[in-house]
PDB file of N, CA and C in Angstrom:
ATOM      1  N   MET A   1      12.547  90.766  36.026  1.00  0.00           N
ATOM      2  CA  MET A   1      13.658  91.291  35.861  1.00  0.00           C
ATOM      3  C   MET A   1      14.942  90.191  35.717  1.00  0.00           C
ATOM      4  N   VAL A   2      14.502  89.310  36.518  1.00  0.00           N
ATOM      5  CA  VAL A   2      15.468  88.078  36.698  1.00  0.00           C
ATOM      6  C   VAL A   2      15.449  87.345  35.536  1.00  0.00           C
ATOM      7  N   GLY A   3      14.295  87.056  35.033  1.00  0.00           N
ATOM      8  CA  GLY A   3      13.940  86.266  33.694  1.00  0.00           C
ATOM      9  C   GLY A   3      14.704  86.863  32.513  1.00  0.00           C
ATOM     10  N   SER A   4      14.609  88.287  32.464  1.00  0.00           N
ATOM     11  CA  SER A   4      15.478  88.995  31.483  1.00  0.00           C
ATOM     12  C   SER A   4      16.756  88.768  31.727  1.00  0.00           C
ATOM     13  N   GLY A   5      17.275  88.826  32.712  1.00  0.00           N
ATOM     14  CA  GLY A   5      18.783  88.829  33.033  1.00  0.00           C
ATOM     15  C   GLY A   5      19.108  87.119  32.749  1.00  0.00           C
ATOM     16  N   LEU A   6      18.396  86.274  32.948  1.00  0.00           N
ATOM     17  CA  LEU A   6      18.797  84.890  32.687  1.00  0.00           C
ATOM     18  C   LEU A   6      18.714  84.792  31.053  1.00  0.00           C
ATOM     19  N   ALA A   7      17.773  85.330  30.482  1.00  0.00           N
ATOM     20  CA  ALA A   7      17.637  85.234  29.054  1.00  0.00           C
ATOM     21  C   ALA A   7      19.087  85.788  28.288  1.00  0.00           C
ATOM     22  N   PHE A   8      19.485  86.796  28.868  1.00  0.00           N
ATOM     23  CA  PHE A   8      20.923  87.462  28.265  1.00  0.00           C
ATOM     24  C   PHE A   8      22.060  86.460  28.349  1.00  0.00           C
ATOM     25  N   GLN A   9      21.821  85.546  29.159  1.00  0.00           N
ATOM     26  CA  GLN A   9      23.053  84.406  29.108  1.00  0.00           C
ATOM     27  C   GLN A   9      22.811  83.432  28.104  1.00  0.00           C
ATOM     28  N   LEU A  10      21.903  83.367  27.005  1.00  0.00           N
ATOM     29  CA  LEU A  10      21.612  82.603  26.205  1.00  0.00           C
ATOM     30  C   LEU A  10      23.076  82.266  25.268  1.00  0.00           C
ATOM     31  N   PRO A  11      23.588  83.468  24.834  1.00  0.00           N
ATOM     32  CA  PRO A  11      24.871  83.086  23.883  1.00  0.00           C
ATOM     33  C   PRO A  11      25.919  82.187  24.655  1.00  0.00           C
ATOM     34  N   LEU A  12      26.005  82.640  26.002  1.00  0.00           N
ATOM     35  CA  LEU A  12      26.985  81.933  26.814  1.00  0.00           C
ATOM     36  C   LEU A  12      26.614  80.373  26.748  1.00  0.00           C
ATOM     37  N   VAL A  13      25.305  80.094  27.011  1.00  0.00           N
ATOM     38  CA  VAL A  13      24.939  78.714  27.402  1.00  0.00           C
ATOM     39  C   VAL A  13      25.205  78.097  25.926  1.00  0.00           C
ATOM     40  N   SER A  14      24.881  78.892  24.838  1.00  0.00           N
ATOM     41  CA  SER A  14      25.059  78.261  23.496  1.00  0.00           C
ATOM     42  C   SER A  14      26.546  78.115  23.389  1.00  0.00           C
ATOM     43  N   PHE A  15      27.392  78.857  23.968  1.00  0.00           N
ATOM     44  CA  PHE A  15      28.967  78.726  23.627  1.00  0.00           C
ATOM     45  C   PHE A  15      29.350  77.439  24.569  1.00  0.00           C
ATOM     46  N   VAL A  16      28.883  77.263  25.677  1.00  0.00           N
ATOM     47  CA  VAL A  16      29.342  76.086  26.423  1.00  0.00           C
ATOM     48  C   VAL A  16      28.691  74.724  25.882  1.00  0.00           C
ATOM     49  N   LEU A  17      27.405  74.709  25.505  1.00  0.00           N
ATOM     50  CA  LEU A  17      26.895  73.416  24.988  1.00  0.00           C
ATOM     51  C   LEU A  17      27.583  73.018  23.768  1.00  0.00           C
ATOM     52  N   THR A  18      27.954  74.071  22.792  1.00  0.00           N
ATOM     53  CA  THR A  18      28.389  73.862  21.551  1.00  0.00           C
ATOM     54  C   THR A  18      30.217  73.160  21.826  1.00  0.00           C
ATOM     55  N   THR A  19      30.582  73.859  22.897  1.00  0.00           N
ATOM     56  CA  THR A  19      31.986  73.525  23.190  1.00  0.00           C
ATOM     57  C   THR A  19      31.975  71.845  23.646  1.00  0.00           C
ATOM     58  N   ILE A  20      31.133  71.629  24.442  1.00  0.00           N
ATOM     59  CA  ILE A  20      31.293  70.187  25.072  1.00  0.00           C
ATOM     60  C   ILE A  20      30.320  69.235  24.210  1.00  0.00           C
ATOM     61  N   GLY A  21      29.758  69.589  22.788  1.00  0.00           N
ATOM     62  CA  GLY A  21      29.398  68.744  21.800  1.00  0.00           C
ATOM     63  C   GLY A  21      27.897  68.327  21.928  1.00  0.00           C
ATOM     64  N   LEU A  22      26.952  69.284  22.751  1.00  0.00           N
ATOM     65  CA  LEU A  22      25.627  68.982  22.868  1.00  0.00           C
ATOM     66  C   LEU A  22      24.597  69.527  21.838  1.00  0.00           C
ATOM     67  N   VAL A  23      25.305  70.773  21.280  1.00  0.00           N
ATOM     68  CA  VAL A  23      24.249  71.704  20.486  1.00  0.00           C
ATOM     69  C   VAL A  23      25.392  71.906  19.126  1.00  0.00           C
ATOM     70  N   THR A  24      24.758  71.950  18.015  1.00  0.00           N
ATOM     71  CA  THR A  24      25.424  72.378  16.771  1.00  0.00           C
ATOM     72  C   THR A  24      24.608  73.332  15.911  1.00  0.00           C
ATOM     73  N   PRO A  25      25.315  74.142  15.291  1.00  0.00           N
ATOM     74  CA  PRO A  25      24.643  75.100  14.537  1.00  0.00           C
ATOM     75  C   PRO A  25      23.508  74.795  13.848  1.00  0.00           C
ATOM     76  N   ARG A  26      23.442  73.373  13.101  1.00  0.00           N
ATOM     77  CA  ARG A  26      22.693  72.941  12.485  1.00  0.00           C
ATOM     78  C   ARG A  26      21.310  72.741  13.061  1.00  0.00           C
ATOM     79  N   PHE A  27      21.523  71.915  14.402  1.00  0.00           N
ATOM     80  CA  PHE A  27      20.497  71.975  15.477  1.00  0.00           C
ATOM     81  C   PHE A  27      19.640  73.367  15.616  1.00  0.00           C
ATOM     82  N   LEU A  28      20.364  74.340  16.151  1.00  0.00           N
ATOM     83  CA  LEU A  28      19.864  75.551  16.317  1.00  0.00           C
ATOM     84  C   LEU A  28      18.949  76.037  15.333  1.00  0.00           C
ATOM     85  N   ARG A  29      19.458  75.904  13.909  1.00  0.00           N
ATOM     86  CA  ARG A  29      18.979  76.413  12.717  1.00  0.00           C
ATOM     87  C   ARG A  29      17.685  75.654  12.435  1.00  0.00           C
ATOM     88  N   THR A  30      17.671  74.332  12.843  1.00  0.00           N
ATOM     89  CA  THR A  30      16.778  73.493  12.402  1.00  0.00           C
ATOM     90  C   THR A  30      15.378  73.782  13.471  1.00  0.00           C
ATOM     91  N   TYR A  31      15.704  74.028  14.544  1.00  0.00           N
ATOM     92  CA  TYR A  31      14.484  74.166  15.708  1.00  0.00           C
ATOM     93  C   TYR A  31      14.478  75.469  16.044  1.00  0.00           C
ATOM     94  N   ARG A  32      14.660  76.361  15.035  1.00  0.00           N
ATOM     95  CA  ARG A  32      14.633  78.163  15.237  1.00  0.00           C
ATOM     96  C   ARG A  32      13.073  78.406  15.360  1.00  0.00           C
ATOM     97  N   LYS A  33      12.167  77.728  14.451  1.00  0.00           N
ATOM     98  CA  LYS A  33      10.818  78.150  14.573  1.00  0.00           C
ATOM     99  C   LYS A  33      10.170  77.762  15.947  1.00  0.00           C
ATOM    100  N   TYR A  34      10.694  76.758  16.400  1.00  0.00           N
ATOM    101  CA  TYR A  34      10.191  76.248  17.801  1.00  0.00           C
ATOM    102  C   TYR A  34      10.705  77.245  18.834  1.00  0.00           C
ATOM    103  N   ALA A  35      12.149  77.678  18.920  1.00  0.00           N
ATOM    104  CA  ALA A  35      12.599  78.664  19.520  1.00  0.00           C
ATOM    105  C   ALA A  35      11.802  79.973  19.383  1.00  0.00           C
ATOM    106  N   TYR A  36      11.398  80.265  18.481  1.00  0.00           N
ATOM    107  CA  TYR A  36      10.675  81.701  18.329  1.00  0.00           C
ATOM    108  C   TYR A  36       9.465  81.563  19.221  1.00  0.00           C
ATOM    109  N   VAL A  37       8.698  80.307  18.999  1.00  0.00           N
ATOM    110  CA  VAL A  37       7.469  80.144  19.775  1.00  0.00           C
ATOM    111  C   VAL A  37       7.627  80.158  21.385  1.00  0.00           C
ATOM    112  N   ALA A  38       8.749  79.562  21.865  1.00  0.00           N
ATOM    113  CA  ALA A  38       9.121  79.528  23.040  1.00  0.00           C
ATOM    114  C   ALA A  38       9.289  80.861  23.819  1.00  0.00           C
ATOM    115  N   ILE A  39      10.229  81.638  23.008  1.00  0.00           N
ATOM    116  CA  ILE A  39      10.543  82.970  23.334  1.00  0.00           C
ATOM    117  C   ILE A  39       9.101  83.821  23.195  1.00  0.00           C
ATOM    118  N   LEU A  40       8.375  83.701  22.520  1.00  0.00           N
ATOM    119  CA  LEU A  40       7.048  84.378  22.524  1.00  0.00           C
ATOM    120  C   LEU A  40       6.465  84.061  23.650  1.00  0.00           C
ATOM    121  N   PHE A  41       6.432  82.861  24.013  1.00  0.00           N
ATOM    122  CA  PHE A  41       5.736  82.365  25.253  1.00  0.00           C
ATOM    123  C   PHE A  41       6.464  83.059  26.672  1.00  0.00           C
ATOM    124  N   ILE A  42       7.679  83.058  26.512  1.00  0.00           N
ATOM    125  CA  ILE A  42       8.385  83.297  27.509  1.00  0.00           C
ATOM    126  C   ILE A  42       8.212  84.976  27.775  1.00  0.00           C
ATOM    127  N   ALA A  43       8.128  85.671  26.768  1.00  0.00           N
ATOM    128  CA  ALA A  43       8.124  86.965  26.750  1.00  0.00           C
ATOM    129  C   ALA A  43       6.513  87.484  27.161  1.00  0.00           C
ATOM    130  N   ALA A  44       5.624  86.356  27.016  1.00  0.00           N
ATOM    131  CA  ALA A  44       4.169  86.901  27.589  1.00  0.00           C
ATOM    132  C   ALA A  44       4.302  86.608  29.189  1.00  0.00           C
ATOM    133  N   VAL A  45       5.055  85.563  29.375  1.00  0.00           N
ATOM    134  CA  VAL A  45       5.172  85.387  31.092  1.00  0.00           C
ATOM    135  C   VAL A  45       5.977  86.429  31.672  1.00  0.00           C
ATOM    136  N   ILE A  46       7.019  87.089  31.055  1.00  0.00           N
ATOM    137  CA  ILE A  46       7.986  87.809  31.515  1.00  0.00           C
ATOM    138  C   ILE A  46       7.335  89.267  31.684  1.00  0.00           C
ATOM    139  N   THR A  47       6.450  89.716  30.641  1.00  0.00           N
ATOM    140  CA  THR A  47       6.151  91.040  30.649  1.00  0.00           C
ATOM    141  C   THR A  47       5.103  91.468  31.938  1.00  0.00           C
ATOM    142  N   PRO A  48       5.158  92.555  32.397  1.00  0.00           N
ATOM    143  CA  PRO A  48       4.077  92.723  33.606  1.00  0.00           C
ATOM    144  C   PRO A  48       2.646  93.090  32.953  1.00  0.00           C
ATOM    145  N   SER A  49       2.788  93.657  31.807  1.00  0.00           N
ATOM    146  CA  SER A  49       1.264  93.983  31.246  1.00  0.00           C
ATOM    147  C   SER A  49       0.773  93.067  30.045  1.00  0.00           C
ATOM    148  N   PRO A  50      -0.455  92.957  29.876  1.00  0.00           N
ATOM    149  CA  PRO A  50      -0.727  92.013  28.668  1.00  0.00           C
ATOM    150  C   PRO A  50      -0.955  92.364  27.521  1.00  0.00           C
ATOM    151  N   ASP A  51      -0.403  93.836  27.053  1.00  0.00           N
ATOM    152  CA  ASP A  51      -0.519  94.175  25.755  1.00  0.00           C
ATOM    153  C   ASP A  51       0.584  93.675  25.015  1.00  0.00           C
ATOM    154  N   TRP A  52       0.382  93.562  23.606  1.00  0.00           N
ATOM    155  CA  TRP A  52       1.254  93.065  22.952  1.00  0.00           C
ATOM    156  C   TRP A  52       2.605  93.785  22.587  1.00  0.00           C
ATOM    157  N   MET A  53       2.574  95.140  22.598  1.00  0.00           N
ATOM    158  CA  MET A  53       3.700  96.031  22.495  1.00  0.00           C
ATOM    159  C   MET A  53       4.950  95.642  23.581  1.00  0.00           C
ATOM    160  N   SER A  54       4.395  95.552  24.663  1.00  0.00           N
ATOM    161  CA  SER A  54       5.440  95.029  25.817  1.00  0.00           C
ATOM    162  C   SER A  54       5.906  93.755  25.655  1.00  0.00           C
ATOM    163  N   GLN A  55       5.110  92.921  25.299  1.00  0.00           N
ATOM    164  CA  GLN A  55       5.602  91.452  24.795  1.00  0.00           C
ATOM    165  C   GLN A  55       6.768  91.599  23.611  1.00  0.00           C
ATOM    166  N   THR A  56       6.279  92.390  22.573  1.00  0.00           N
ATOM    167  CA  THR A  56       7.146  92.557  21.305  1.00  0.00           C
ATOM    168  C   THR A  56       8.346  93.140  21.677  1.00  0.00           C
ATOM    169  N   ILE A  57       8.311  94.047  22.652  1.00  0.00           N
ATOM    170  CA  ILE A  57       9.672  94.684  23.179  1.00  0.00           C
ATOM    171  C   ILE A  57      10.577  93.862  23.970  1.00  0.00           C
ATOM    172  N   VAL A  58      10.005  92.778  24.699  1.00  0.00           N
ATOM    173  CA  VAL A  58      10.876  91.713  25.442  1.00  0.00           C
ATOM    174  C   VAL A  58      11.113  90.754  24.313  1.00  0.00           C
ATOM    175  N   ALA A  59      10.224  90.227  23.517  1.00  0.00           N
ATOM    176  CA  ALA A  59      10.676  89.166  22.468  1.00  0.00           C
ATOM    177  C   ALA A  59      11.858  89.449  21.410  1.00  0.00           C
ATOM    178  N   LEU A  60      11.771  91.081  21.020  1.00  0.00           N
ATOM    179  CA  LEU A  60      12.729  91.230  19.922  1.00  0.00           C
ATOM    180  C   LEU A  60      14.328  90.948  20.527  1.00  0.00           C
ATOM    181  N   PRO A  61      14.664  91.464  21.584  1.00  0.00           N
ATOM    182  CA  PRO A  61      15.828  91.088  22.080  1.00  0.00           C
ATOM    183  C   PRO A  61      16.196  89.706  22.493  1.00  0.00           C
ATOM    184  N   LEU A  62      15.099  88.824  22.834  1.00  0.00           N
ATOM    185  CA  LEU A  62      15.498  87.554  22.937  1.00  0.00           C
ATOM    186  C   LEU A  62      15.684  86.772  21.559  1.00  0.00           C
ATOM    187  N   ILE A  63      14.974  87.139  20.504  1.00  0.00           N
ATOM    188  CA  ILE A  63      15.020  86.610  19.245  1.00  0.00           C
ATOM    189  C   ILE A  63      16.416  87.126  18.766  1.00  0.00           C
ATOM    190  N   LEU A  64      16.930  88.191  18.807  1.00  0.00           N
ATOM    191  CA  LEU A  64      18.081  88.334  18.550  1.00  0.00           C
ATOM    192  C   LEU A  64      19.439  87.851  19.412  1.00  0.00           C
ATOM    193  N   LEU A  65      19.183  87.755  20.655  1.00  0.00           N
ATOM    194  CA  LEU A  65      19.988  86.940  21.346  1.00  0.00           C
ATOM    195  C   LEU A  65      20.197  85.307  20.774  1.00  0.00           C
ATOM    196  N   TYR A  66      19.188  84.729  20.532  1.00  0.00           N
ATOM    197  CA  TYR A  66      19.094  83.485  19.836  1.00  0.00           C
ATOM    198  C   TYR A  66      19.661  83.309  18.412  1.00  0.00           C
ATOM    199  N   GLU A  67      19.744  84.355  17.645  1.00  0.00           N
ATOM    200  CA  GLU A  67      20.415  84.498  16.511  1.00  0.00           C
ATOM    201  C   GLU A  67      21.924  84.610  16.675  1.00  0.00           C
ATOM    202  N   LEU A  68      22.270  85.419  17.835  1.00  0.00           N
ATOM    203  CA  LEU A  68      23.578  85.346  18.194  1.00  0.00           C
ATOM    204  C   LEU A  68      24.256  84.424  18.706  1.00  0.00           C
ATOM    205  N   SER A  69      23.385  83.529  19.210  1.00  0.00           N
ATOM    206  CA  SER A  69      23.814  82.248  19.841  1.00  0.00           C
ATOM    207  C   SER A  69      24.093  81.340  18.594  1.00  0.00           C
ATOM    208  N   ILE A  70      23.335  81.533  17.529  1.00  0.00           N
ATOM    209  CA  ILE A  70      23.469  80.512  16.299  1.00  0.00           C
ATOM    210  C   ILE A  70      25.182  81.015  15.878  1.00  0.00           C
ATOM    211  N   ARG A  71      25.340  82.276  15.765  1.00  0.00           N
ATOM    212  CA  ARG A  71      26.624  82.529  15.158  1.00  0.00           C
ATOM    213  C   ARG A  71      27.618  82.323  16.162  1.00  0.00           C
ATOM    214  N   VAL A  72      27.506  82.458  17.679  1.00  0.00           N
ATOM    215  CA  VAL A  72      28.470  81.950  18.483  1.00  0.00           C
ATOM    216  C   VAL A  72      28.693  80.375  18.182  1.00  0.00           C
ATOM    217  N   SER A  73      27.715  79.651  18.154  1.00  0.00           N
ATOM    218  CA  SER A  73      27.826  78.156  17.897  1.00  0.00           C
ATOM    219  C   SER A  73      28.523  77.828  16.567  1.00  0.00           C
ATOM    220  N   VAL A  74      28.310  78.673  15.498  1.00  0.00           N
ATOM    221  CA  VAL A  74      29.064  78.421  14.194  1.00  0.00           C
ATOM    222  C   VAL A  74      30.471  78.571  14.459  1.00  0.00           C
ATOM    223  N   ARG A  75      30.922  79.712  15.245  1.00  0.00           N
ATOM    224  CA  ARG A  75      32.272  80.277  15.326  1.00  0.00           C
ATOM    225  C   ARG A  75      33.052  78.910  16.233  1.00  0.00           C
ATOM    226  N   VAL A  76      32.190  78.548  17.298  1.00  0.00           N
ATOM    227  CA  VAL A  76      33.115  77.608  18.044  1.00  0.00           C
ATOM    228  C   VAL A  76      33.047  76.200  17.178  1.00  0.00           C
ATOM    229  N   THR A  77      32.302  75.866  16.273  1.00  0.00           N
ATOM    230  CA  THR A  77      32.436  74.883  15.678  1.00  0.00           C
ATOM    231  C   THR A  77      33.604  74.815  14.675  1.00  0.00           C
ATOM    232  N   ARG A  78      33.483  75.958  14.068  1.00  0.00           N
ATOM    233  CA  ARG A  78      34.704  76.167  13.072  1.00  0.00           C
ATOM    234  C   ARG A  78      36.060  76.139  13.671  1.00  0.00           C
ATOM    235  N   ARG A  79      36.191  76.633  15.009  1.00  0.00           N
ATOM    236  CA  ARG A  79      37.311  76.607  15.472  1.00  0.00           C
ATOM    237  C   ARG A  79      37.635  75.527  16.055  1.00  0.00           C
ATOM    238  N   GLN A  80      36.640  74.436  16.299  1.00  0.00           N
ATOM    239  CA  GLN A  80      37.006  72.928  16.676  1.00  0.00           C
ATOM    240  C   GLN A  80      37.444  72.434  15.392  1.00  0.00           C
ATOM    241  N   GLU A  81      36.764  72.657  14.244  1.00  0.00           N
ATOM    242  CA  GLU A  81      37.201  71.877  13.193  1.00  0.00           C
ATOM    243  C   GLU A  81      38.583  72.464  12.521  1.00  0.00           C
ATOM    244  N   LYS A  82      39.130  73.467  12.911  1.00  0.00           N
ATOM    245  CA  LYS A  82      40.362  74.022  12.580  1.00  0.00           C
ATOM    246  C   LYS A  82      41.370  73.456  13.424  1.00  0.00           C
ATOM    247  N   ARG A  83      41.220  73.136  14.584  1.00  0.00           N
ATOM    248  CA  ARG A  83      42.126  72.853  15.499  1.00  0.00           C
ATOM    249  C   ARG A  83      42.242  71.303  15.210  1.00  0.00           C
ATOM    250  N   ASP A  84      41.196  70.445  14.979  1.00  0.00           N
ATOM    251  CA  ASP A  84      41.006  69.115  14.420  1.00  0.00           C
ATOM    252  C   ASP A  84      41.990  68.884  13.158  1.00  0.00           C
ATOM    253  N   ARG A  85      41.720  69.868  12.160  1.00  0.00           N
ATOM    254  CA  ARG A  85      42.732  69.661  11.118  1.00  0.00           C
ATOM    255  C   ARG A  85      43.993  69.802  11.356  1.00  0.00           C
ATOM    256  N   GLU A  86      44.474  70.998  12.341  1.00  0.00           N
ATOM    257  CA  GLU A  86      45.733  71.268  12.578  1.00  0.00           C
ATOM    258  C   GLU A  86      46.705  70.102  13.132  1.00  0.00           C
ATOM    259  N   GLU A  87      45.638  69.371  13.998  1.00  0.00           N
ATOM    260  CA  GLU A  87      46.246  68.071  14.952  1.00  0.00           C
ATOM    261  C   GLU A  87      46.381  67.147  14.010  1.00  0.00           C
ATOM    262  N   TRP A  88      45.713  66.819  12.828  1.00  0.00           N
ATOM    263  CA  TRP A  88      45.879  65.592  11.769  1.00  0.00           C
ATOM    264  C   TRP A  88      47.207  65.948  10.881  1.00  0.00           C
ATOM    265  N   SER A  89      47.322  67.351  10.730  1.00  0.00           N
ATOM    266  CA  SER A  89      48.252  67.840   9.808  1.00  0.00           C
ATOM    267  C   SER A  89      49.946  67.446  10.318  1.00  0.00           C
TER     268      SER A  89
END
């Protein structure tokens, strides 16, 4: 339960890391396939039973959260670029 709760913080972590400049949307898109493998591994560890259905039930929301994190990162980057353009104008 704690692992799932921590996983739902992924968009927030993405927001913070993008804001401070450690992560970009391009980086998240480039390493998407590795993130999916990590998500499947985490889902296998988190699930209480070894069947594939429960692992899928845990993995799908995590994948959706990762995709949401990419969207959050894009939004933060666009906002920062807009702010930079306004400062130079």
